[in-house]
Amino acid sequence: MHRERYQRDRHLLVRRLVPPRDIARFLRESAPLPAQRVWCGLDEVSWNEQSVPPDSSLYGFFASITALVRSLLFSAVADGPVQLGCWTSTYTEGEYINPHMDGTGTIQVVLCLETSGARTGGLLGLRTHKDSSRLVALRPGDAAIFDATRVEHFTTPVASSRACNAPRRIVAVARYSFLDVPTTTPAS
């Protein structure tokens, strides 16, 4: 069922993919990693990003679901070569990602590690058709799986609210490049 939905929509939402104890461990392990400021095409659009090393439990988690991710592409899971890149992105008040499509990768998984709640923004937007977008409020442990080279994606700005004056959203991202899958060019 998931494969058919992914093939049709080019994205899939998986609620509670990761249990809270693992999310807490991923946050603890990634907190001391050095961060760098990154930009996505516009000077005013930036956030902090941390590269996740291959010996971390977060990277290990993403490596452990490679067969699941690959199964969205093929009816039979093959064991072809894969490149895996993993990082975390932290967004605070006013920060977001503008609409874009990635230039590399086969499938991307965005796993929510922390959020201040849907009322503080930071919603993930997925646009598979020119006139419609789906906004997704990811909670810790939820994941969105999508073809980032063919699905335009973005986030809404993180904003403070009465209940939260210092909002923050942290996601872990894994980019899978299956080297036995023909590359596609973004749809125009």
C-alpha atoms as a PDB file:
ATOM      1  CA  MET A   1       0.000   0.000   0.000  1.00  0.00           C
ATOM      2  CA  HIS A   2       2.785   2.481   0.883  1.00  0.00           C
ATOM      3  CA  ARG A   3       4.578   1.812  -2.391  1.00  0.00           C
ATOM      4  CA  GLU A   4       1.463   2.534  -4.459  1.00  0.00           C
ATOM      5  CA  ARG A   5       0.783   5.740  -2.518  1.00  0.00           C
ATOM      6  CA  TYR A   6       4.398   6.871  -2.903  1.00  0.00           C
ATOM      7  CA  GLN A   7       4.414   6.042  -6.626  1.00  0.00           C
ATOM      8  CA  ARG A   8       1.223   8.085  -7.090  1.00  0.00           C
ATOM      9  CA  ASP A   9       2.002  11.096  -4.868  1.00  0.00           C
ATOM     10  CA  ARG A  10       5.857  11.059  -4.834  1.00  0.00           C
ATOM     11  CA  HIS A  11       5.682  11.504  -1.058  1.00  0.00           C
ATOM     12  CA  LEU A  12       4.603   9.566   2.003  1.00  0.00           C
ATOM     13  CA  LEU A  13       3.942  10.627   5.596  1.00  0.00           C
ATOM     14  CA  VAL A  14       4.830   8.117   8.317  1.00  0.00           C
ATOM     15  CA  ARG A  15       3.545   8.990  11.782  1.00  0.00           C
ATOM     16  CA  ARG A  16       5.501   7.745  14.832  1.00  0.00           C
ATOM     17  CA  LEU A  17       8.279   6.167  12.771  1.00  0.00           C
ATOM     18  CA  VAL A  18      10.704   6.650  15.665  1.00  0.00           C
ATOM     19  CA  PRO A  19       9.826   6.243  19.374  1.00  0.00           C
ATOM     20  CA  PRO A  20      10.372   9.122  21.858  1.00  0.00           C
ATOM     21  CA  ARG A  21      13.364   7.468  23.613  1.00  0.00           C
ATOM     22  CA  ASP A  22      15.253   7.291  20.291  1.00  0.00           C
ATOM     23  CA  ILE A  23      14.316  10.877  19.411  1.00  0.00           C
ATOM     24  CA  ALA A  24      15.734  11.997  22.789  1.00  0.00           C
ATOM     25  CA  ARG A  25      18.970  10.077  22.096  1.00  0.00           C
ATOM     26  CA  PHE A  26      19.273  11.584  18.603  1.00  0.00           C
ATOM     27  CA  LEU A  27      18.854  15.092  20.046  1.00  0.00           C
ATOM     28  CA  ARG A  28      21.442  14.476  22.787  1.00  0.00           C
ATOM     29  CA  GLU A  29      23.985  13.105  20.323  1.00  0.00           C
ATOM     30  CA  SER A  30      23.518  15.826  17.727  1.00  0.00           C
ATOM     31  CA  ALA A  31      23.465  18.817  20.120  1.00  0.00           C
ATOM     32  CA  PRO A  32      27.279  19.119  20.458  1.00  0.00           C
ATOM     33  CA  LEU A  33      27.968  18.717  16.719  1.00  0.00           C
ATOM     34  CA  PRO A  34      29.375  21.859  15.078  1.00  0.00           C
ATOM     35  CA  ALA A  35      26.780  23.894  13.205  1.00  0.00           C
ATOM     36  CA  GLN A  36      27.147  26.009  10.112  1.00  0.00           C
ATOM     37  CA  ARG A  37      24.827  28.574   8.616  1.00  0.00           C
ATOM     38  CA  VAL A  38      23.345  27.506   5.259  1.00  0.00           C
ATOM     39  CA  TRP A  39      21.309  29.347   2.636  1.00  0.00           C
ATOM     40  CA  CYS A  40      18.760  28.116   0.104  1.00  0.00           C
ATOM     41  CA  GLY A  41      18.958  30.434  -2.868  1.00  0.00           C
ATOM     42  CA  LEU A  42      17.864  33.671  -1.166  1.00  0.00           C
ATOM     43  CA  ASP A  43      20.129  35.851   0.993  1.00  0.00           C
ATOM     44  CA  GLU A  44      17.525  36.245   3.728  1.00  0.00           C
ATOM     45  CA  VAL A  45      16.705  32.518   3.952  1.00  0.00           C
ATOM     46  CA  SER A  46      19.111  30.667   6.231  1.00  0.00           C
ATOM     47  CA  TRP A  47      19.259  28.291   9.203  1.00  0.00           C
ATOM     48  CA  ASN A  48      21.783  26.181  11.134  1.00  0.00           C
ATOM     49  CA  GLU A  49      22.805  22.785   9.827  1.00  0.00           C
ATOM     50  CA  GLN A  50      24.916  20.030  11.393  1.00  0.00           C
ATOM     51  CA  SER A  51      26.531  17.166   9.488  1.00  0.00           C
ATOM     52  CA  VAL A  52      25.760  13.842  11.161  1.00  0.00           C
ATOM     53  CA  PRO A  53      28.741  11.451  11.247  1.00  0.00           C
ATOM     54  CA  PRO A  54      28.412   7.816  10.109  1.00  0.00           C
ATOM     55  CA  ASP A  55      29.262   6.499  13.600  1.00  0.00           C
ATOM     56  CA  SER A  56      26.230   8.174  15.233  1.00  0.00           C
ATOM     57  CA  SER A  57      23.012   6.381  16.167  1.00  0.00           C
ATOM     58  CA  LEU A  58      21.003   8.828  14.016  1.00  0.00           C
ATOM     59  CA  TYR A  59      23.023   7.948  10.916  1.00  0.00           C
ATOM     60  CA  GLY A  60      22.728   4.282  11.906  1.00  0.00           C
ATOM     61  CA  PHE A  61      18.951   4.633  12.078  1.00  0.00           C
ATOM     62  CA  PHE A  62      18.767   6.097   8.571  1.00  0.00           C
ATOM     63  CA  ALA A  63      21.101   3.369   7.272  1.00  0.00           C
ATOM     64  CA  SER A  64      18.856   0.731   8.905  1.00  0.00           C
ATOM     65  CA  ILE A  65      15.785   1.865   6.950  1.00  0.00           C
ATOM     66  CA  THR A  66      17.504   1.832   3.544  1.00  0.00           C
ATOM     67  CA  ALA A  67      15.597  -1.303   2.469  1.00  0.00           C
ATOM     68  CA  LEU A  68      12.275   0.295   3.489  1.00  0.00           C
ATOM     69  CA  VAL A  69      13.088   3.454   1.547  1.00  0.00           C
ATOM     70  CA  ARG A  70      14.251   1.451  -1.482  1.00  0.00           C
ATOM     71  CA  SER A  71      11.015  -0.599  -1.398  1.00  0.00           C
ATOM     72  CA  LEU A  72       9.091   2.571  -2.285  1.00  0.00           C
ATOM     73  CA  LEU A  73      10.855   2.542  -5.652  1.00  0.00           C
ATOM     74  CA  PHE A  74      10.829  -1.151  -6.527  1.00  0.00           C
ATOM     75  CA  SER A  75       8.357  -3.981  -6.058  1.00  0.00           C
ATOM     76  CA  ALA A  76      11.267  -6.228  -5.026  1.00  0.00           C
ATOM     77  CA  VAL A  77      13.958  -4.820  -2.758  1.00  0.00           C
ATOM     78  CA  ALA A  78      17.324  -4.916  -4.489  1.00  0.00           C
ATOM     79  CA  ASP A  79      20.711  -4.504  -2.825  1.00  0.00           C
ATOM     80  CA  GLY A  80      22.305  -2.044  -5.222  1.00  0.00           C
ATOM     81  CA  PRO A  81      24.787   0.600  -4.099  1.00  0.00           C
ATOM     82  CA  VAL A  82      23.540   3.591  -2.125  1.00  0.00           C
ATOM     83  CA  GLN A  83      25.090   6.846  -0.954  1.00  0.00           C
ATOM     84  CA  LEU A  84      23.622   8.260   2.255  1.00  0.00           C
ATOM     85  CA  GLY A  85      24.013  11.823   3.431  1.00  0.00           C
ATOM     86  CA  CYS A  86      22.648  12.860   6.811  1.00  0.00           C
ATOM     87  CA  TRP A  87      22.321  16.182   8.626  1.00  0.00           C
ATOM     88  CA  THR A  88      20.141  18.078  11.076  1.00  0.00           C
ATOM     89  CA  SER A  89      18.565  21.466  10.429  1.00  0.00           C
ATOM     90  CA  THR A  90      17.529  23.824  13.222  1.00  0.00           C
ATOM     91  CA  TYR A  91      15.101  26.674  12.599  1.00  0.00           C
ATOM     92  CA  THR A  92      14.279  29.449  15.046  1.00  0.00           C
ATOM     93  CA  GLU A  93      11.941  32.450  14.835  1.00  0.00           C
ATOM     94  CA  GLY A  94      11.511  33.737  11.275  1.00  0.00           C
ATOM     95  CA  GLU A  95      13.545  30.964   9.664  1.00  0.00           C
ATOM     96  CA  TYR A  96      12.251  28.738   6.875  1.00  0.00           C
ATOM     97  CA  ILE A  97      13.191  27.125   3.557  1.00  0.00           C
ATOM     98  CA  ASN A  98      11.856  28.737   0.412  1.00  0.00           C
ATOM     99  CA  PRO A  99      10.170  26.523  -2.230  1.00  0.00           C
ATOM    100  CA  HIS A 100      12.750  24.523  -4.179  1.00  0.00           C
ATOM    101  CA  MET A 101      13.624  21.137  -5.655  1.00  0.00           C
ATOM    102  CA  ASP A 102      16.944  19.490  -4.913  1.00  0.00           C
ATOM    103  CA  GLY A 103      19.440  18.767  -7.658  1.00  0.00           C
ATOM    104  CA  THR A 104      20.626  15.423  -6.260  1.00  0.00           C
ATOM    105  CA  GLY A 105      19.334  12.348  -4.473  1.00  0.00           C
ATOM    106  CA  THR A 106      16.746   9.682  -5.140  1.00  0.00           C
ATOM    107  CA  ILE A 107      14.648   9.881  -1.968  1.00  0.00           C
ATOM    108  CA  GLN A 108      14.819  12.178   1.033  1.00  0.00           C
ATOM    109  CA  VAL A 109      13.533  11.447   4.542  1.00  0.00           C
ATOM    110  CA  VAL A 110      12.772  14.345   6.893  1.00  0.00           C
ATOM    111  CA  LEU A 111      12.399  13.157  10.485  1.00  0.00           C
ATOM    112  CA  CYS A 112      11.059  15.591  13.082  1.00  0.00           C
ATOM    113  CA  LEU A 113      13.176  15.646  16.244  1.00  0.00           C
ATOM    114  CA  GLU A 114      11.696  18.705  17.971  1.00  0.00           C
ATOM    115  CA  THR A 115       8.954  21.234  17.344  1.00  0.00           C
ATOM    116  CA  SER A 116       7.256  23.945  19.339  1.00  0.00           C
ATOM    117  CA  GLY A 117       3.904  22.945  17.813  1.00  0.00           C
ATOM    118  CA  ALA A 118       1.882  23.596  14.666  1.00  0.00           C
ATOM    119  CA  ARG A 119       0.823  27.051  15.897  1.00  0.00           C
ATOM    120  CA  THR A 120       4.455  28.205  15.706  1.00  0.00           C
ATOM    121  CA  GLY A 121       4.874  27.473  12.001  1.00  0.00           C
ATOM    122  CA  GLY A 122       7.648  25.352  10.580  1.00  0.00           C
ATOM    123  CA  LEU A 123       5.168  23.262   8.615  1.00  0.00           C
ATOM    124  CA  LEU A 124       6.606  21.165   5.793  1.00  0.00           C
ATOM    125  CA  GLY A 125       5.088  21.982   2.430  1.00  0.00           C
ATOM    126  CA  LEU A 126       5.073  19.473  -0.437  1.00  0.00           C
ATOM    127  CA  ARG A 127       3.927  20.547  -3.891  1.00  0.00           C
ATOM    128  CA  THR A 128       3.500  17.818  -6.476  1.00  0.00           C
ATOM    129  CA  HIS A 129       1.102  19.740  -8.700  1.00  0.00           C
ATOM    130  CA  LYS A 130       1.484  23.358  -9.783  1.00  0.00           C
ATOM    131  CA  ASP A 131      -1.702  24.514  -8.067  1.00  0.00           C
ATOM    132  CA  SER A 132      -1.755  22.505  -4.846  1.00  0.00           C
ATOM    133  CA  SER A 133       0.486  22.137  -1.835  1.00  0.00           C
ATOM    134  CA  ARG A 134       0.153  19.884   1.152  1.00  0.00           C
ATOM    135  CA  LEU A 135       1.228  21.388   4.481  1.00  0.00           C
ATOM    136  CA  VAL A 136       2.291  18.788   7.026  1.00  0.00           C
ATOM    137  CA  ALA A 137       2.702  19.369  10.768  1.00  0.00           C
ATOM    138  CA  LEU A 138       5.368  16.860  11.733  1.00  0.00           C
ATOM    139  CA  ARG A 139       5.580  15.893  15.401  1.00  0.00           C
ATOM    140  CA  PRO A 140       8.677  14.361  16.992  1.00  0.00           C
ATOM    141  CA  GLY A 141       9.087  10.860  15.553  1.00  0.00           C
ATOM    142  CA  ASP A 142       7.068  11.592  12.389  1.00  0.00           C
ATOM    143  CA  ALA A 143       8.759  11.436   8.989  1.00  0.00           C
ATOM    144  CA  ALA A 144       8.032  12.638   5.482  1.00  0.00           C
ATOM    145  CA  ILE A 145       9.564  10.600   2.668  1.00  0.00           C
ATOM    146  CA  PHE A 146       9.661  12.196  -0.773  1.00  0.00           C
ATOM    147  CA  ASP A 147      11.469  12.574  -4.067  1.00  0.00           C
ATOM    148  CA  ALA A 148      13.182  15.902  -3.399  1.00  0.00           C
ATOM    149  CA  THR A 149      14.282  16.250  -7.032  1.00  0.00           C
ATOM    150  CA  ARG A 150      10.695  16.080  -8.327  1.00  0.00           C
ATOM    151  CA  VAL A 151       8.603  17.385  -5.437  1.00  0.00           C
ATOM    152  CA  GLU A 152       8.895  21.074  -4.679  1.00  0.00           C
ATOM    153  CA  HIS A 153       9.274  21.403  -0.917  1.00  0.00           C
ATOM    154  CA  PHE A 154       9.511  24.220   1.608  1.00  0.00           C
ATOM    155  CA  THR A 155       8.702  25.127   5.184  1.00  0.00           C
ATOM    156  CA  THR A 156       6.579  27.883   6.595  1.00  0.00           C
ATOM    157  CA  PRO A 157       8.395  30.428   8.778  1.00  0.00           C
ATOM    158  CA  VAL A 158       8.810  29.521  12.447  1.00  0.00           C
ATOM    159  CA  ALA A 159       6.924  32.109  14.530  1.00  0.00           C
ATOM    160  CA  SER A 160       6.431  32.806  18.203  1.00  0.00           C
ATOM    161  CA  SER A 161       3.026  32.497  19.832  1.00  0.00           C
ATOM    162  CA  ARG A 162       1.486  33.375  23.185  1.00  0.00           C
ATOM    163  CA  ALA A 163       2.334  29.914  24.425  1.00  0.00           C
ATOM    164  CA  CYS A 164       5.889  29.880  23.014  1.00  0.00           C
ATOM    165  CA  ASN A 165       8.049  32.979  22.683  1.00  0.00           C
ATOM    166  CA  ALA A 166      11.203  31.085  21.586  1.00  0.00           C
ATOM    167  CA  PRO A 167      10.019  28.565  18.987  1.00  0.00           C
ATOM    168  CA  ARG A 168      12.372  26.003  17.509  1.00  0.00           C
ATOM    169  CA  ARG A 169      12.075  23.211  14.968  1.00  0.00           C
ATOM    170  CA  ILE A 170      14.756  20.555  14.541  1.00  0.00           C
ATOM    171  CA  VAL A 171      14.640  17.936  11.799  1.00  0.00           C
ATOM    172  CA  ALA A 172      17.036  15.209  10.763  1.00  0.00           C
ATOM    173  CA  VAL A 173      17.378  14.745   7.028  1.00  0.00           C
ATOM    174  CA  ALA A 174      18.662  11.742   5.119  1.00  0.00           C
ATOM    175  CA  ARG A 175      19.319  11.901   1.396  1.00  0.00           C
ATOM    176  CA  TYR A 176      19.475   8.499  -0.282  1.00  0.00           C
ATOM    177  CA  SER A 177      21.103   8.286  -3.690  1.00  0.00           C
ATOM    178  CA  PHE A 178      20.437   4.833  -5.104  1.00  0.00           C
ATOM    179  CA  LEU A 179      23.133   4.442  -7.709  1.00  0.00           C
ATOM    180  CA  ASP A 180      21.210   1.737  -9.601  1.00  0.00           C
ATOM    181  CA  VAL A 181      18.200   4.042 -10.142  1.00  0.00           C
ATOM    182  CA  PRO A 182      18.197   6.201 -13.280  1.00  0.00           C
ATOM    183  CA  THR A 183      18.442   9.851 -12.341  1.00  0.00           C
ATOM    184  CA  THR A 184      15.607  12.152 -13.229  1.00  0.00           C
ATOM    185  CA  THR A 185      15.605  15.825 -13.900  1.00  0.00           C
ATOM    186  CA  PRO A 186      13.243  18.066 -11.974  1.00  0.00           C
ATOM    187  CA  ALA A 187       9.907  18.607 -13.660  1.00  0.00           C
ATOM    188  CA  SER A 188       9.480  22.151 -14.891  1.00  0.00           C
END
